[in-house]
């Protein structure tokens, strides 16, 4: 295949996965439910916390940035933390406790009952995210997992959204879409009608 054919195939595959997600009423209801949980948390003065590894770490930072800065329009900032950004904290925890404690230790320190934690993982089996979900359960933090289509270790926890694909880039593209949907719904619920 040449570059044009590859480009078209990639767009086609991405669109097909998004269409499957759209047609899955159960998963779409879960996406809406998670967005509502985030909005309710903000109304109660709570925050969102995001985490992931590799590309999912970048997605965590992206979504926290959308909440703190803005998504669709100018409005007051909303408290949101990406647990993937502070190199001093990350290296201290990694060195002292091991990589699996990377996010759970931060949730112990900065998470509060009623906050919403969103763990992003294409496999749904990342050890440090599973450990984070355990802390969420202990502390009363609402936990959300954005994962691929296969059954995984993160399925045992509160709110799990499965992307209908086993292909990493396609999963990541839908995870970004879901993050954007959450941001959009939160803005509409809290600041609805305010546009620039």
N, C-alpha and C. Protein backbone atom coordinates (compact mmCIF):
# COMPACT_ATOMS: atom_id res chain seq x y z
N UNK A 1 0.84 -1.20 0.00
CA UNK A 1 0.00 0.00 0.00
C UNK A 1 0.88 1.25 0.00
N UNK A 2 0.42 2.26 -0.68
CA UNK A 2 1.13 3.54 -0.65
C UNK A 2 0.60 4.39 0.51
N UNK A 3 1.20 5.56 0.71
CA UNK A 3 0.86 6.39 1.86
C UNK A 3 -0.62 6.80 1.86
N UNK A 4 -1.15 7.11 0.68
CA UNK A 4 -2.55 7.51 0.60
C UNK A 4 -3.47 6.36 1.00
N UNK A 5 -3.18 5.17 0.53
CA UNK A 5 -3.99 4.00 0.87
C UNK A 5 -3.91 3.70 2.36
N UNK A 6 -2.71 3.82 2.93
CA UNK A 6 -2.54 3.61 4.37
C UNK A 6 -3.35 4.64 5.15
N UNK A 7 -3.26 5.90 4.75
CA UNK A 7 -3.99 6.96 5.43
C UNK A 7 -5.50 6.69 5.41
N UNK A 8 -6.02 6.32 4.25
CA UNK A 8 -7.46 6.05 4.14
C UNK A 8 -7.86 4.84 4.98
N UNK A 9 -7.03 3.81 4.98
CA UNK A 9 -7.33 2.61 5.78
C UNK A 9 -7.35 2.93 7.27
N UNK A 10 -6.39 3.77 7.71
CA UNK A 10 -6.34 4.14 9.12
C UNK A 10 -7.58 4.93 9.53
N UNK A 11 -7.99 5.88 8.70
CA UNK A 11 -9.19 6.67 9.01
C UNK A 11 -10.42 5.77 9.01
N UNK A 12 -10.50 4.86 8.03
CA UNK A 12 -11.64 3.95 7.94
C UNK A 12 -11.73 3.07 9.20
N UNK A 13 -10.58 2.51 9.60
CA UNK A 13 -10.58 1.65 10.80
C UNK A 13 -10.99 2.43 12.04
N UNK A 14 -10.48 3.65 12.17
CA UNK A 14 -10.84 4.49 13.32
C UNK A 14 -12.33 4.77 13.34
N UNK A 15 -12.88 5.12 12.19
CA UNK A 15 -14.31 5.41 12.09
C UNK A 15 -15.15 4.18 12.42
N UNK A 16 -14.70 3.01 11.99
CA UNK A 16 -15.44 1.77 12.26
C UNK A 16 -15.53 1.48 13.76
N UNK A 17 -14.43 1.70 14.47
CA UNK A 17 -14.43 1.46 15.92
C UNK A 17 -15.35 2.46 16.61
N UNK A 18 -15.30 3.71 16.21
CA UNK A 18 -16.17 4.73 16.80
C UNK A 18 -17.63 4.43 16.50
N UNK A 19 -17.92 3.92 15.32
CA UNK A 19 -19.30 3.55 14.96
C UNK A 19 -19.77 2.40 15.84
N UNK A 20 -18.91 1.41 16.06
CA UNK A 20 -19.26 0.29 16.96
C UNK A 20 -19.57 0.79 18.36
N UNK A 21 -18.74 1.71 18.85
CA UNK A 21 -18.97 2.28 20.19
C UNK A 21 -20.31 3.00 20.22
N UNK A 22 -20.59 3.80 19.23
CA UNK A 22 -21.84 4.54 19.15
C UNK A 22 -23.05 3.61 19.16
N UNK A 23 -22.92 2.46 18.51
CA UNK A 23 -24.04 1.52 18.41
C UNK A 23 -24.21 0.64 19.65
N UNK A 24 -23.23 0.69 20.56
CA UNK A 24 -23.29 -0.10 21.79
C UNK A 24 -23.98 0.74 22.87
N UNK A 25 -25.29 0.58 22.98
CA UNK A 25 -26.09 1.40 23.89
C UNK A 25 -25.61 1.28 25.34
N UNK A 26 -25.23 0.09 25.73
CA UNK A 26 -24.77 -0.13 27.11
C UNK A 26 -23.51 0.70 27.39
N UNK A 27 -22.54 0.68 26.48
CA UNK A 27 -21.31 1.43 26.70
C UNK A 27 -21.57 2.94 26.62
N UNK A 28 -22.44 3.37 25.71
CA UNK A 28 -22.74 4.79 25.61
C UNK A 28 -23.40 5.29 26.89
N UNK A 29 -24.26 4.46 27.48
CA UNK A 29 -24.88 4.83 28.75
C UNK A 29 -23.82 4.93 29.86
N UNK A 30 -22.82 4.06 29.81
CA UNK A 30 -21.74 4.13 30.80
C UNK A 30 -20.93 5.41 30.64
N UNK A 31 -20.67 5.79 29.39
CA UNK A 31 -19.95 7.04 29.13
C UNK A 31 -20.73 8.21 29.72
N UNK A 32 -22.03 8.24 29.46
CA UNK A 32 -22.87 9.32 29.99
C UNK A 32 -22.91 9.31 31.51
N UNK A 33 -22.99 8.11 32.09
CA UNK A 33 -23.00 7.98 33.55
C UNK A 33 -21.71 8.52 34.16
N UNK A 34 -20.58 8.19 33.56
CA UNK A 34 -19.29 8.67 34.07
C UNK A 34 -19.21 10.19 33.96
N UNK A 35 -19.67 10.73 32.84
CA UNK A 35 -19.68 12.19 32.68
C UNK A 35 -20.53 12.85 33.77
N UNK A 36 -21.68 12.26 34.08
CA UNK A 36 -22.56 12.79 35.13
C UNK A 36 -21.89 12.67 36.50
N UNK A 37 -21.19 11.59 36.75
CA UNK A 37 -20.47 11.42 38.03
C UNK A 37 -19.41 12.50 38.19
N UNK A 38 -18.71 12.81 37.11
CA UNK A 38 -17.69 13.86 37.16
C UNK A 38 -18.33 15.22 37.44
N UNK A 39 -19.43 15.51 36.78
CA UNK A 39 -20.13 16.78 37.00
C UNK A 39 -20.61 16.88 38.44
N UNK A 40 -21.16 15.80 38.96
CA UNK A 40 -21.64 15.80 40.35
C UNK A 40 -20.48 16.01 41.33
N UNK A 41 -19.35 15.39 41.04
CA UNK A 41 -18.18 15.57 41.90
C UNK A 41 -17.76 17.04 41.93
N UNK A 42 -17.74 17.67 40.76
CA UNK A 42 -17.38 19.08 40.70
C UNK A 42 -18.38 19.95 41.46
N UNK A 43 -19.65 19.64 41.36
CA UNK A 43 -20.66 20.41 42.08
C UNK A 43 -20.46 20.33 43.59
N UNK A 44 -19.86 19.23 44.05
CA UNK A 44 -19.62 19.04 45.48
C UNK A 44 -18.23 19.51 45.92
N UNK A 45 -17.54 20.21 45.01
CA UNK A 45 -16.22 20.73 45.36
C UNK A 45 -15.10 19.71 45.28
N UNK A 46 -15.33 18.62 44.57
CA UNK A 46 -14.32 17.57 44.43
C UNK A 46 -13.55 17.76 43.13
N UNK A 47 -12.72 16.78 42.79
CA UNK A 47 -11.84 16.91 41.62
C UNK A 47 -11.79 15.60 40.85
N UNK A 48 -11.21 15.67 39.65
CA UNK A 48 -10.91 14.48 38.87
C UNK A 48 -9.40 14.25 38.90
N UNK A 49 -9.03 12.99 38.88
CA UNK A 49 -7.62 12.59 38.82
C UNK A 49 -7.49 11.59 37.68
N UNK A 50 -6.43 11.72 36.89
CA UNK A 50 -6.26 10.91 35.69
C UNK A 50 -4.90 10.22 35.72
N UNK A 51 -4.81 9.01 35.19
CA UNK A 51 -3.51 8.34 35.11
C UNK A 51 -3.50 7.31 33.99
N UNK A 52 -2.31 7.03 33.51
CA UNK A 52 -2.09 6.01 32.50
C UNK A 52 -0.60 5.88 32.25
N UNK A 53 -0.21 4.94 31.44
CA UNK A 53 1.20 4.69 31.12
C UNK A 53 1.45 4.94 29.63
N UNK A 54 2.61 5.45 29.31
CA UNK A 54 2.96 5.68 27.91
C UNK A 54 2.04 6.69 27.26
N UNK A 55 1.44 6.30 26.12
CA UNK A 55 0.50 7.18 25.44
C UNK A 55 -0.69 7.53 26.32
N UNK A 56 -1.07 6.62 27.19
CA UNK A 56 -2.19 6.88 28.10
C UNK A 56 -1.82 7.92 29.16
N UNK A 57 -0.53 8.02 29.48
CA UNK A 57 -0.07 9.08 30.38
C UNK A 57 -0.28 10.43 29.72
N UNK A 58 0.04 10.50 28.43
CA UNK A 58 -0.18 11.74 27.68
C UNK A 58 -1.66 12.08 27.63
N UNK A 59 -2.51 11.07 27.46
CA UNK A 59 -3.95 11.30 27.45
C UNK A 59 -4.43 11.81 28.81
N UNK A 60 -3.87 11.28 29.89
CA UNK A 60 -4.23 11.74 31.24
C UNK A 60 -3.91 13.23 31.39
N UNK A 61 -2.72 13.63 30.95
CA UNK A 61 -2.33 15.03 31.01
C UNK A 61 -3.24 15.89 30.14
N UNK A 62 -3.55 15.40 28.96
CA UNK A 62 -4.42 16.12 28.02
C UNK A 62 -5.77 16.42 28.67
N UNK A 63 -6.39 15.41 29.28
CA UNK A 63 -7.73 15.59 29.83
C UNK A 63 -7.72 16.47 31.08
N UNK A 64 -6.71 16.32 31.92
CA UNK A 64 -6.61 17.21 33.08
C UNK A 64 -6.45 18.65 32.62
N UNK A 65 -5.68 18.84 31.55
CA UNK A 65 -5.50 20.18 30.99
C UNK A 65 -6.80 20.77 30.48
N UNK A 66 -7.64 19.95 29.85
CA UNK A 66 -8.93 20.42 29.36
C UNK A 66 -9.81 20.90 30.51
N UNK A 67 -9.76 20.19 31.64
CA UNK A 67 -10.58 20.56 32.79
C UNK A 67 -10.06 21.84 33.45
N UNK A 68 -8.76 21.91 33.65
CA UNK A 68 -8.19 23.06 34.36
C UNK A 68 -8.25 24.33 33.51
N UNK A 69 -7.96 24.20 32.22
CA UNK A 69 -7.93 25.38 31.35
C UNK A 69 -9.33 25.64 30.77
N UNK A 70 -9.67 24.95 29.71
CA UNK A 70 -10.98 25.08 29.07
C UNK A 70 -11.11 23.97 28.04
N UNK A 71 -12.33 23.67 27.68
CA UNK A 71 -12.56 22.71 26.61
C UNK A 71 -13.22 23.43 25.43
N UNK A 72 -14.52 23.69 25.50
CA UNK A 72 -15.24 24.29 24.37
C UNK A 72 -15.39 25.81 24.49
N UNK A 73 -15.32 26.34 25.71
CA UNK A 73 -15.53 27.78 25.89
C UNK A 73 -14.87 28.26 27.17
N UNK A 74 -14.72 29.56 27.28
CA UNK A 74 -14.12 30.16 28.48
C UNK A 74 -15.05 29.98 29.67
N UNK A 75 -14.46 29.56 30.79
CA UNK A 75 -15.21 29.38 32.03
C UNK A 75 -14.17 29.22 33.15
N UNK A 76 -14.59 29.27 34.40
CA UNK A 76 -13.63 29.07 35.49
C UNK A 76 -12.97 27.68 35.39
N UNK A 77 -11.75 27.58 35.84
CA UNK A 77 -11.04 26.31 35.82
C UNK A 77 -11.64 25.31 36.80
N UNK A 78 -11.55 24.05 36.46
CA UNK A 78 -12.04 22.96 37.32
C UNK A 78 -10.84 22.17 37.83
N UNK A 79 -10.84 21.77 39.11
CA UNK A 79 -9.68 21.07 39.66
C UNK A 79 -9.52 19.66 39.08
N UNK A 80 -8.36 19.42 38.50
CA UNK A 80 -8.07 18.13 37.87
C UNK A 80 -6.57 17.90 37.90
N UNK A 81 -6.16 16.69 38.21
CA UNK A 81 -4.74 16.37 38.36
C UNK A 81 -4.39 15.16 37.50
N UNK A 82 -3.35 15.28 36.72
CA UNK A 82 -2.77 14.11 36.03
C UNK A 82 -1.67 13.57 36.95
N UNK A 83 -1.78 12.32 37.33
CA UNK A 83 -0.81 11.71 38.26
C UNK A 83 0.45 11.24 37.53
N UNK A 84 0.64 11.76 36.32
CA UNK A 84 1.73 11.30 35.44
C UNK A 84 2.78 12.38 35.21
N UNK A 85 2.67 13.52 35.88
CA UNK A 85 3.43 14.69 35.44
C UNK A 85 4.59 15.11 36.33
N UNK A 86 4.56 14.80 37.61
CA UNK A 86 5.59 15.31 38.52
C UNK A 86 6.75 14.32 38.61
N UNK A 87 7.84 14.63 37.93
CA UNK A 87 8.95 13.66 37.85
C UNK A 87 9.58 13.39 39.21
N UNK A 88 9.60 14.36 40.09
CA UNK A 88 10.17 14.13 41.42
C UNK A 88 9.33 13.14 42.21
N UNK A 89 8.00 13.31 42.16
CA UNK A 89 7.10 12.37 42.85
C UNK A 89 7.19 10.99 42.21
N UNK A 90 7.14 10.95 40.88
CA UNK A 90 7.17 9.66 40.17
C UNK A 90 8.46 8.89 40.47
N UNK A 91 9.59 9.58 40.41
CA UNK A 91 10.86 8.87 40.64
C UNK A 91 11.05 8.52 42.11
N UNK A 92 10.53 9.34 43.01
CA UNK A 92 10.62 9.00 44.44
C UNK A 92 9.81 7.74 44.74
N UNK A 93 8.57 7.71 44.25
CA UNK A 93 7.73 6.53 44.50
C UNK A 93 8.31 5.30 43.81
N UNK A 94 8.74 5.47 42.55
CA UNK A 94 9.33 4.35 41.83
C UNK A 94 10.54 3.79 42.55
N UNK A 95 11.37 4.66 43.06
CA UNK A 95 12.59 4.24 43.76
C UNK A 95 12.29 3.63 45.13
N UNK A 96 11.39 4.26 45.88
CA UNK A 96 11.13 3.84 47.26
C UNK A 96 10.15 2.69 47.38
N UNK A 97 9.16 2.65 46.49
CA UNK A 97 8.08 1.67 46.62
C UNK A 97 7.90 0.75 45.42
N UNK A 98 8.46 1.14 44.27
CA UNK A 98 8.29 0.35 43.06
C UNK A 98 7.25 0.95 42.13
N UNK A 99 7.39 0.61 40.86
CA UNK A 99 6.55 1.19 39.81
C UNK A 99 5.06 0.92 40.02
N UNK A 100 4.74 -0.22 40.59
CA UNK A 100 3.33 -0.57 40.78
C UNK A 100 2.61 0.37 41.74
N UNK A 101 3.36 1.07 42.58
CA UNK A 101 2.75 1.99 43.56
C UNK A 101 2.68 3.43 43.04
N UNK A 102 3.06 3.63 41.80
CA UNK A 102 3.20 4.98 41.22
C UNK A 102 1.95 5.84 41.40
N UNK A 103 0.78 5.28 41.15
CA UNK A 103 -0.45 6.06 41.21
C UNK A 103 -1.18 5.87 42.54
N UNK A 104 -1.10 4.67 43.12
CA UNK A 104 -1.81 4.42 44.37
C UNK A 104 -1.27 5.30 45.49
N UNK A 105 0.03 5.50 45.52
CA UNK A 105 0.63 6.36 46.55
C UNK A 105 0.15 7.81 46.39
N UNK A 106 0.05 8.27 45.17
CA UNK A 106 -0.44 9.63 44.94
C UNK A 106 -1.91 9.77 45.31
N UNK A 107 -2.69 8.73 45.07
CA UNK A 107 -4.10 8.77 45.47
C UNK A 107 -4.23 8.75 46.98
N UNK A 108 -3.35 8.01 47.66
CA UNK A 108 -3.36 8.03 49.12
C UNK A 108 -3.13 9.45 49.63
N UNK A 109 -2.22 10.17 48.97
CA UNK A 109 -1.85 11.52 49.40
C UNK A 109 -2.85 12.58 48.97
N UNK A 110 -3.34 12.51 47.74
CA UNK A 110 -4.11 13.61 47.16
C UNK A 110 -5.57 13.30 46.85
N UNK A 111 -5.95 12.04 46.92
CA UNK A 111 -7.33 11.68 46.62
C UNK A 111 -8.21 11.79 47.85
N UNK A 112 -9.45 12.21 47.63
CA UNK A 112 -10.42 12.35 48.71
C UNK A 112 -11.70 11.62 48.35
N UNK A 113 -12.44 11.23 49.37
CA UNK A 113 -13.74 10.61 49.14
C UNK A 113 -14.59 11.53 48.27
N UNK A 114 -15.19 10.97 47.24
CA UNK A 114 -16.03 11.75 46.34
C UNK A 114 -15.32 12.24 45.10
N UNK A 115 -13.97 12.20 45.09
CA UNK A 115 -13.23 12.50 43.87
C UNK A 115 -13.52 11.43 42.83
N UNK A 116 -13.16 11.70 41.58
CA UNK A 116 -13.28 10.70 40.51
C UNK A 116 -11.90 10.44 39.93
N UNK A 117 -11.48 9.18 39.96
CA UNK A 117 -10.21 8.76 39.36
C UNK A 117 -10.51 8.06 38.05
N UNK A 118 -9.81 8.46 36.98
CA UNK A 118 -9.99 7.84 35.67
C UNK A 118 -8.67 7.22 35.23
N UNK A 119 -8.62 5.90 35.19
CA UNK A 119 -7.44 5.16 34.77
C UNK A 119 -7.58 4.76 33.31
N UNK A 120 -6.56 5.07 32.53
CA UNK A 120 -6.59 4.82 31.08
C UNK A 120 -5.57 3.73 30.75
N UNK A 121 -6.05 2.64 30.16
CA UNK A 121 -5.17 1.50 29.85
C UNK A 121 -5.72 0.75 28.65
N UNK A 122 -4.90 0.53 27.64
CA UNK A 122 -5.39 -0.23 26.48
C UNK A 122 -5.61 -1.70 26.84
N UNK A 123 -4.77 -2.25 27.72
CA UNK A 123 -4.90 -3.66 28.10
C UNK A 123 -5.88 -3.86 29.25
N UNK A 124 -5.98 -2.87 30.13
CA UNK A 124 -6.79 -3.01 31.33
C UNK A 124 -6.11 -3.84 32.40
N UNK A 125 -4.82 -4.13 32.21
CA UNK A 125 -4.09 -4.98 33.15
C UNK A 125 -2.86 -4.31 33.76
N UNK A 126 -2.72 -3.01 33.59
CA UNK A 126 -1.56 -2.30 34.11
C UNK A 126 -1.54 -2.39 35.64
N UNK A 127 -0.46 -2.96 36.17
CA UNK A 127 -0.37 -3.19 37.61
C UNK A 127 -0.54 -1.93 38.44
N UNK A 128 0.06 -0.83 37.99
CA UNK A 128 -0.03 0.40 38.79
C UNK A 128 -1.43 1.00 38.78
N UNK A 129 -2.20 0.75 37.72
CA UNK A 129 -3.58 1.22 37.68
C UNK A 129 -4.49 0.32 38.52
N UNK A 130 -4.23 -0.97 38.51
CA UNK A 130 -5.00 -1.88 39.36
C UNK A 130 -4.79 -1.52 40.82
N UNK A 131 -3.53 -1.23 41.20
CA UNK A 131 -3.23 -0.79 42.58
C UNK A 131 -3.95 0.51 42.91
N UNK A 132 -4.01 1.41 41.94
CA UNK A 132 -4.70 2.69 42.14
C UNK A 132 -6.20 2.45 42.41
N UNK A 133 -6.79 1.52 41.67
CA UNK A 133 -8.22 1.24 41.84
C UNK A 133 -8.50 0.65 43.22
N UNK A 134 -7.56 -0.11 43.76
CA UNK A 134 -7.71 -0.65 45.11
C UNK A 134 -7.79 0.49 46.13
N UNK A 135 -6.93 1.49 45.97
CA UNK A 135 -6.93 2.63 46.89
C UNK A 135 -8.24 3.40 46.75
N UNK A 136 -8.73 3.54 45.53
CA UNK A 136 -10.02 4.21 45.32
C UNK A 136 -11.11 3.54 46.14
N UNK A 137 -11.13 2.23 46.10
CA UNK A 137 -12.15 1.48 46.83
C UNK A 137 -12.03 1.73 48.33
N UNK A 138 -10.80 1.75 48.84
CA UNK A 138 -10.55 1.98 50.26
C UNK A 138 -10.97 3.38 50.70
N UNK A 139 -10.74 4.37 49.83
CA UNK A 139 -10.95 5.77 50.21
C UNK A 139 -12.29 6.36 49.77
N UNK A 140 -13.10 5.60 49.07
CA UNK A 140 -14.37 6.13 48.60
C UNK A 140 -14.23 7.07 47.41
N UNK A 141 -13.17 6.87 46.64
CA UNK A 141 -12.96 7.62 45.40
C UNK A 141 -13.68 6.85 44.29
N UNK A 142 -14.47 7.54 43.50
CA UNK A 142 -15.16 6.90 42.38
C UNK A 142 -14.10 6.50 41.36
N UNK A 143 -14.11 5.25 40.92
CA UNK A 143 -13.09 4.80 39.97
C UNK A 143 -13.70 4.50 38.61
N UNK A 144 -12.97 4.92 37.58
CA UNK A 144 -13.37 4.71 36.19
C UNK A 144 -12.19 4.11 35.46
N UNK A 145 -12.44 3.12 34.62
CA UNK A 145 -11.39 2.53 33.79
C UNK A 145 -11.80 2.61 32.32
N UNK A 146 -10.91 3.16 31.50
CA UNK A 146 -11.10 3.18 30.06
C UNK A 146 -10.15 2.14 29.48
N UNK A 147 -10.69 1.05 28.92
CA UNK A 147 -9.88 -0.09 28.51
C UNK A 147 -10.30 -0.59 27.13
N UNK A 148 -9.54 -1.57 26.61
CA UNK A 148 -9.87 -2.19 25.34
C UNK A 148 -11.01 -3.18 25.48
N UNK A 149 -11.23 -3.97 24.43
CA UNK A 149 -12.41 -4.83 24.38
C UNK A 149 -12.31 -6.10 25.23
N UNK A 150 -11.09 -6.53 25.56
CA UNK A 150 -10.93 -7.82 26.23
C UNK A 150 -11.22 -7.72 27.73
N UNK A 151 -11.71 -8.82 28.33
CA UNK A 151 -11.84 -8.85 29.79
C UNK A 151 -10.47 -8.60 30.42
N UNK A 152 -10.47 -7.91 31.57
CA UNK A 152 -9.19 -7.51 32.16
C UNK A 152 -9.29 -7.40 33.67
N UNK A 153 -8.14 -7.17 34.31
CA UNK A 153 -8.09 -7.06 35.77
C UNK A 153 -8.86 -5.85 36.29
N UNK A 154 -8.96 -4.81 35.48
CA UNK A 154 -9.66 -3.60 35.92
C UNK A 154 -11.18 -3.77 35.89
N UNK A 155 -11.67 -4.88 35.34
CA UNK A 155 -13.11 -5.13 35.28
C UNK A 155 -13.75 -5.29 36.65
N UNK A 156 -12.95 -5.57 37.67
CA UNK A 156 -13.48 -5.82 39.01
C UNK A 156 -13.94 -4.55 39.71
N UNK A 157 -13.63 -3.40 39.15
CA UNK A 157 -13.88 -2.14 39.86
C UNK A 157 -15.09 -1.40 39.29
N UNK A 158 -15.35 -0.20 39.82
CA UNK A 158 -16.63 0.49 39.65
C UNK A 158 -17.15 0.63 38.22
N UNK A 159 -16.58 1.53 37.47
CA UNK A 159 -17.13 1.91 36.17
C UNK A 159 -16.09 1.63 35.08
N UNK A 160 -16.37 0.61 34.28
CA UNK A 160 -15.42 0.19 33.24
C UNK A 160 -16.05 0.41 31.88
N UNK A 161 -15.33 1.16 31.04
CA UNK A 161 -15.79 1.41 29.67
C UNK A 161 -14.86 0.68 28.72
N UNK A 162 -15.42 -0.31 28.01
CA UNK A 162 -14.66 -1.11 27.06
C UNK A 162 -14.77 -0.51 25.65
N UNK A 163 -13.62 -0.29 25.03
CA UNK A 163 -13.58 0.16 23.64
C UNK A 163 -13.65 -1.09 22.75
N UNK A 164 -14.50 -1.11 21.73
CA UNK A 164 -14.67 -2.31 20.92
C UNK A 164 -13.55 -2.54 19.90
N UNK A 165 -12.33 -2.70 20.42
CA UNK A 165 -11.18 -2.98 19.55
C UNK A 165 -10.07 -3.60 20.39
N UNK A 166 -9.23 -4.39 19.72
CA UNK A 166 -8.04 -4.92 20.35
C UNK A 166 -6.78 -4.28 19.80
N UNK A 167 -6.93 -3.26 18.98
CA UNK A 167 -5.80 -2.58 18.34
C UNK A 167 -5.47 -1.30 19.12
N UNK A 168 -4.25 -1.23 19.63
CA UNK A 168 -3.87 -0.13 20.53
C UNK A 168 -4.20 1.26 20.01
N UNK A 169 -3.79 1.64 18.78
CA UNK A 169 -4.12 3.01 18.33
C UNK A 169 -5.61 3.28 18.26
N UNK A 170 -6.40 2.28 17.86
CA UNK A 170 -7.85 2.47 17.77
C UNK A 170 -8.46 2.64 19.17
N UNK A 171 -7.95 1.87 20.13
CA UNK A 171 -8.42 2.02 21.52
C UNK A 171 -8.10 3.43 22.02
N UNK A 172 -6.86 3.86 21.79
CA UNK A 172 -6.43 5.18 22.27
C UNK A 172 -7.26 6.30 21.66
N UNK A 173 -7.58 6.17 20.38
CA UNK A 173 -8.38 7.21 19.72
C UNK A 173 -9.76 7.33 20.36
N UNK A 174 -10.35 6.20 20.71
CA UNK A 174 -11.67 6.23 21.35
C UNK A 174 -11.56 6.70 22.80
N UNK A 175 -10.47 6.37 23.48
CA UNK A 175 -10.28 6.86 24.84
C UNK A 175 -10.20 8.38 24.86
N UNK A 176 -9.51 8.95 23.87
CA UNK A 176 -9.45 10.41 23.76
C UNK A 176 -10.85 10.97 23.50
N UNK A 177 -11.59 10.34 22.61
CA UNK A 177 -12.96 10.77 22.33
C UNK A 177 -13.81 10.75 23.60
N UNK A 178 -13.71 9.69 24.38
CA UNK A 178 -14.50 9.59 25.61
C UNK A 178 -14.07 10.67 26.61
N UNK A 179 -12.77 10.91 26.71
CA UNK A 179 -12.30 12.00 27.57
C UNK A 179 -12.91 13.33 27.15
N UNK A 180 -12.95 13.57 25.85
CA UNK A 180 -13.55 14.81 25.34
C UNK A 180 -15.05 14.87 25.62
N UNK A 181 -15.73 13.74 25.51
CA UNK A 181 -17.16 13.70 25.82
C UNK A 181 -17.38 14.06 27.29
N UNK A 182 -16.55 13.51 28.17
CA UNK A 182 -16.66 13.82 29.60
C UNK A 182 -16.48 15.32 29.82
N UNK A 183 -15.43 15.89 29.21
CA UNK A 183 -15.18 17.33 29.34
C UNK A 183 -16.37 18.14 28.85
N UNK A 184 -16.91 17.78 27.71
CA UNK A 184 -18.03 18.49 27.10
C UNK A 184 -19.26 18.44 28.00
N UNK A 185 -19.57 17.26 28.51
CA UNK A 185 -20.75 17.09 29.38
C UNK A 185 -20.59 17.86 30.69
N UNK A 186 -19.39 17.82 31.25
CA UNK A 186 -19.13 18.55 32.50
C UNK A 186 -19.33 20.04 32.29
N UNK A 187 -18.75 20.58 31.22
CA UNK A 187 -18.92 22.01 30.94
C UNK A 187 -20.40 22.36 30.75
N UNK A 188 -21.10 21.55 30.02
CA UNK A 188 -22.52 21.82 29.76
C UNK A 188 -23.32 21.78 31.05
N UNK A 189 -23.05 20.78 31.90
CA UNK A 189 -23.80 20.61 33.14
C UNK A 189 -23.52 21.75 34.12
N UNK A 190 -22.28 22.16 34.23
CA UNK A 190 -21.90 23.16 35.23
C UNK A 190 -22.01 24.59 34.73
N UNK A 191 -21.65 24.79 33.46
CA UNK A 191 -21.62 26.17 32.91
C UNK A 191 -22.52 26.31 31.69
N UNK A 192 -23.49 25.43 31.53
CA UNK A 192 -24.31 25.38 30.32
C UNK A 192 -24.77 26.74 29.82
N UNK A 193 -24.68 26.94 28.53
CA UNK A 193 -25.15 28.18 27.92
C UNK A 193 -24.11 29.28 27.88
N UNK A 194 -22.97 29.07 28.57
CA UNK A 194 -21.91 30.08 28.56
C UNK A 194 -21.02 29.81 27.38
N UNK A 195 -21.04 30.68 26.41
CA UNK A 195 -20.20 30.50 25.21
C UNK A 195 -19.43 31.79 24.96
N UNK A 196 -18.26 31.67 24.29
CA UNK A 196 -17.50 32.90 23.97
C UNK A 196 -17.75 33.31 22.54
